[in-house]
Protein backbone atom coordinates (compact mmCIF):
# COMPACT_ATOMS: atom_id res chain seq x y z
CA MET A 1 116.16 127.06 88.72
CA LEU A 2 114.84 124.30 91.21
CA LYS A 3 114.68 121.63 88.70
CA GLU A 4 118.25 122.41 87.47
CA TRP A 5 119.48 122.39 90.87
CA ARG A 6 117.62 119.29 91.79
CA HIS A 7 119.14 117.68 88.52
CA ARG A 8 122.80 118.83 89.47
CA ARG A 9 122.45 117.34 92.93
CA ALA A 10 120.92 113.97 91.55
CA VAL A 11 124.21 113.78 89.12
CA GLN A 12 126.26 114.29 92.10
CA ARG A 13 124.94 111.28 94.03
CA VAL A 14 125.89 109.06 91.37
CA LYS A 15 128.72 106.72 92.59
CA PRO A 16 131.01 104.37 90.19
CA GLY A 17 129.98 100.60 89.97
CA ASP A 18 132.06 97.69 90.95
CA GLY A 19 131.89 95.89 87.58
CA ARG A 20 129.86 93.05 88.65
CA GLU A 21 127.85 90.97 86.34
CA LEU A 22 124.12 91.95 85.85
CA LYS A 23 121.99 88.96 87.29
CA ARG A 24 119.21 87.78 85.38
CA PHE A 25 115.76 88.50 86.13
CA ARG A 26 113.72 85.67 88.15
CA TRP A 27 109.95 85.23 88.35
CA TRP A 28 110.13 85.58 92.12
CA GLN A 29 111.39 89.09 91.96
CA SER A 30 108.15 90.66 90.12
CA LEU A 31 107.21 92.62 93.25
CA THR A 32 110.38 93.67 94.22
CA ARG A 33 112.76 94.27 91.38
CA ALA A 34 112.28 96.44 88.21
CA LEU A 35 114.51 95.98 85.25
CA PHE A 36 114.76 98.09 82.02
CA HIS A 37 117.29 98.42 79.26
CA LEU A 38 118.32 101.26 76.90
CA ARG A 39 120.18 100.17 73.29
CA LEU A 40 122.34 102.96 72.09
CA THR A 41 123.95 102.94 68.68
CA HIS A 42 127.48 104.94 68.13
CA ASP A 43 128.34 106.62 65.11
CA ASP A 44 130.62 103.74 64.05
CA GLY A 45 127.64 101.49 64.15
CA ARG A 46 128.57 99.80 67.66
CA GLN A 47 125.82 99.44 69.95
CA THR A 48 125.90 99.91 73.71
CA VAL A 49 123.37 98.51 76.18
CA TYR A 50 122.48 100.15 79.28
CA THR A 51 120.32 98.69 82.02
CA VAL A 52 118.84 99.95 84.99
CA ASP A 53 117.96 97.63 87.87
CA VAL A 54 115.92 98.72 90.95
CA LYS A 55 115.36 96.88 93.85
CA HIS A 56 112.29 97.94 96.12
CA GLN A 57 113.53 95.91 99.22
CA ASN A 58 115.18 98.99 100.86
CA GLN A 59 111.99 101.14 100.67
CA SER A 60 111.18 100.21 104.02
CA GLU A 61 114.46 102.03 105.13
CA GLY A 62 113.67 105.11 103.60
CA TYR A 63 115.52 104.84 100.36
CA VAL A 64 115.68 103.13 97.36
CA LYS A 65 118.82 102.26 95.06
CA ALA A 66 119.19 102.57 91.32
CA HIS A 67 121.75 100.56 89.53
CA LEU A 68 123.11 101.10 85.94
CA TYR A 69 124.71 98.50 84.22
CA LEU A 70 126.87 98.76 80.97
CA ASP A 71 126.93 95.92 78.75
CA GLY A 72 126.04 93.53 81.37
CA ARG A 73 128.65 95.29 84.02
CA HIS A 74 127.77 97.34 87.17
CA HIS A 75 128.61 100.75 85.88
CA ALA A 76 127.12 103.10 88.48
CA GLU A 77 124.37 103.29 91.55
CA SER A 78 122.64 106.13 93.15
CA LYS A 79 119.83 106.84 95.33
CA VAL A 80 116.49 107.79 93.63
CA PRO A 81 115.60 109.96 92.30
CA ALA A 82 118.80 109.09 90.18
CA VAL A 83 120.36 110.72 87.01
CA PHE A 84 122.67 108.81 85.39
CA PRO A 85 125.13 110.47 82.73
CA VAL A 86 125.15 108.29 79.70
CA GLN A 87 126.17 108.36 76.08
CA GLY A 88 124.25 111.30 74.62
CA GLY A 89 122.32 112.50 77.73
CA THR A 90 121.23 110.96 80.69
CA VAL A 91 118.83 108.37 81.96
CA GLU A 92 116.39 109.19 84.73
CA VAL A 93 114.74 107.17 87.38
CA ARG A 94 112.35 107.83 89.96
CA THR A 95 110.11 105.78 92.33
CA SER A 96 106.62 105.93 93.90
CA GLY A 97 105.39 103.89 96.85
CA PHE A 98 104.16 101.42 94.33
CA GLY A 99 107.14 101.04 91.84
CA LEU A 100 108.69 103.13 89.09
CA LYS A 101 106.88 106.42 88.15
CA ARG A 102 110.02 107.33 85.62
CA CYS A 103 112.86 105.66 83.91
CA HIS A 104 113.61 107.68 80.71
CA TYR A 105 116.38 108.52 78.44
CA VAL A 106 116.74 112.24 77.99
CA THR A 107 118.68 113.32 75.12
CA ALA A 108 121.17 116.49 75.42
CA GLU A 109 118.66 118.23 73.20
CA GLY A 110 115.69 117.44 75.42
CA ALA A 111 113.75 114.51 73.64
CA GLU A 112 112.81 111.73 76.11
CA PHE A 113 112.41 108.10 75.60
CA GLN A 114 111.07 105.60 78.04
CA LEU A 115 113.58 102.46 78.65
CA VAL A 116 112.12 99.12 77.53
CA PRO A 117 111.27 96.81 80.55
CA ASP A 118 112.77 93.36 80.56
CA PRO A 119 110.53 90.61 79.16
CA ALA A 120 110.59 88.68 82.37
CA SER A 121 109.73 91.52 84.70
CA ALA A 122 106.13 92.45 85.76
CA GLU A 123 106.37 95.64 83.84
CA GLY A 124 107.66 93.61 80.76
CA ARG A 125 104.54 91.26 80.99
CA ARG A 126 102.40 94.16 81.34
CA ALA A 127 103.56 95.65 78.00
CA ARG A 128 103.53 92.43 76.55
CA PHE A 129 99.83 92.21 77.42
CA ASP A 130 99.06 95.81 76.01
CA ARG A 131 100.50 94.91 72.82
CA ALA A 132 98.43 91.72 72.56
CA HIS A 133 95.32 93.14 74.00
CA PRO A 134 95.34 96.77 73.35
CA ALA A 135 91.58 97.40 73.99
CA LEU A 136 91.44 95.18 77.24
CA SER A 137 94.52 97.12 78.25
CA ARG A 138 93.09 100.44 77.84
CA TRP A 139 89.87 99.27 79.84
CA ILE A 140 92.17 97.90 82.69
CA GLY A 141 93.90 101.38 82.88
CA PHE A 142 90.60 103.20 82.77
CA LEU A 143 89.23 101.22 85.63
CA SER A 144 92.59 101.70 87.67
CA VAL A 145 91.80 105.42 87.34
CA ILE A 146 88.15 105.06 88.23
CA VAL A 147 89.15 103.21 91.39
CA LEU A 148 91.90 105.79 92.38
CA VAL A 149 89.01 108.76 92.08
CA ILE A 150 86.53 106.93 93.97
CA GLY A 151 89.18 106.42 96.61
CA LEU A 152 90.36 109.80 96.65
CA VAL A 153 86.46 110.97 96.94
CA LEU A 154 86.22 108.54 100.01
CA LEU A 155 89.24 109.99 101.58
CA ILE A 156 88.18 113.77 101.14
CA LEU A 157 84.79 113.00 102.59
CA GLN A 158 86.35 111.36 105.64
CA LEU A 159 89.08 114.15 106.39
CA ALA A 160 86.19 116.76 106.03
CA GLU A 161 84.15 114.96 108.34
CA GLN A 162 87.25 114.48 111.00
CA VAL A 163 88.33 117.97 110.51
CA THR A 164 85.03 119.65 111.72
CA ARG A 165 84.25 117.23 114.38
CA ALA A 166 85.62 119.36 116.95
CA PRO A 167 83.17 122.18 117.84
CA GLU A 168 86.05 124.51 118.81
CA GLY A 169 87.90 124.10 115.58
CA LEU A 170 86.50 124.63 111.85
CA ALA A 171 83.12 123.70 113.04
CA GLN A 172 82.36 126.67 114.59
CA TYR A 173 82.96 128.41 111.31
CA VAL A 174 81.39 126.12 108.60
CA GLY A 175 79.40 123.65 111.03
CA HIS A 176 79.70 119.83 111.35
CA PHE A 177 80.17 117.90 107.96
CA THR A 178 78.57 114.28 108.09
CA SER A 179 79.82 112.06 105.23
CA PRO A 180 76.97 110.72 103.43
CA ILE A 181 79.26 107.39 102.97
CA ASP A 182 79.99 105.73 106.41
CA LEU A 183 82.42 102.56 105.67
CA PRO A 184 83.03 100.13 108.42
CA ALA A 185 86.58 99.16 109.18
CA TRP A 186 86.54 96.10 106.81
CA GLY A 187 85.00 98.48 104.06
CA ASN A 188 87.86 101.06 104.53
CA THR A 189 90.39 98.08 104.35
CA VAL A 190 89.00 96.78 101.04
CA VAL A 191 89.08 100.25 99.40
CA GLY A 192 92.72 100.58 100.88
CA LEU A 193 93.65 97.60 98.98
CA VAL A 194 91.96 97.99 95.75
CA THR A 195 93.34 101.35 95.37
CA ALA A 196 96.77 100.00 96.04
CA VAL A 197 96.40 97.41 93.28
CA ALA A 198 95.28 100.18 90.95
CA SER A 199 98.26 102.25 91.61
CA THR A 200 100.49 99.23 91.48
CA GLU A 201 98.91 98.72 87.75
CA ARG A 202 99.50 101.89 86.73
CA ALA A 203 103.23 101.76 88.21
CA LEU A 204 103.66 98.75 85.93
CA ARG A 205 103.06 101.36 82.87
CA LEU A 206 104.94 104.01 84.57
CA ARG A 207 102.04 106.16 85.23
CA PHE A 208 101.85 108.36 87.93
CA SER A 209 99.63 111.29 89.30
CA ARG A 210 100.62 113.22 92.44
CA LEU A 211 96.68 113.55 93.27
CA LEU A 212 95.57 110.26 92.60
CA ASP A 213 98.58 107.64 93.15
CA GLY A 214 100.03 110.24 95.82
CA ALA A 215 97.10 110.08 97.78
CA VAL A 216 96.88 106.43 97.96
CA GLY A 217 100.57 106.07 98.77
């Protein structure tokens, strides 16, 4: 019931577009813009192209907008999480602190298909690298998970030490916990940067874990 209610709320947030033309992706937008395409075929053989354009600049203001283009023209827009009604189903868009975590076409029957990233975008370049070097791509993905696991463990150890530091608090029941790993300030900064890079790499593949990526973000 909660999922259906959120779905309806997302659909109600959709606003009509103004018909403006879709701007091509520029290389300097790699970290600030995501562009995905969906090509659908009608019963008469005619094809329709939907494009999802997400700019991350507004994230600092507490929201991100997704724009839907139909055959190159602005068709609709919505704050994320967004659910756009399209031919035969909906397009669902969700973001994380590091990029997109969902950009899928969901049919009326419930089947899901990830949209295709624009070749010029960072997501498109990552997908091309995956096709050209599948083994190395898998190792990079595995390394990203390992980095996030290590970052999560270090975070848990530091939180446990802080929580049990005050003698009148939890420490009087479980004792004071001292983390076996004591990183200097610069070490914590390095860990934070590395884990952010790992989550960004996963976002380029639309991978997201509330436990791993959510803890970093």
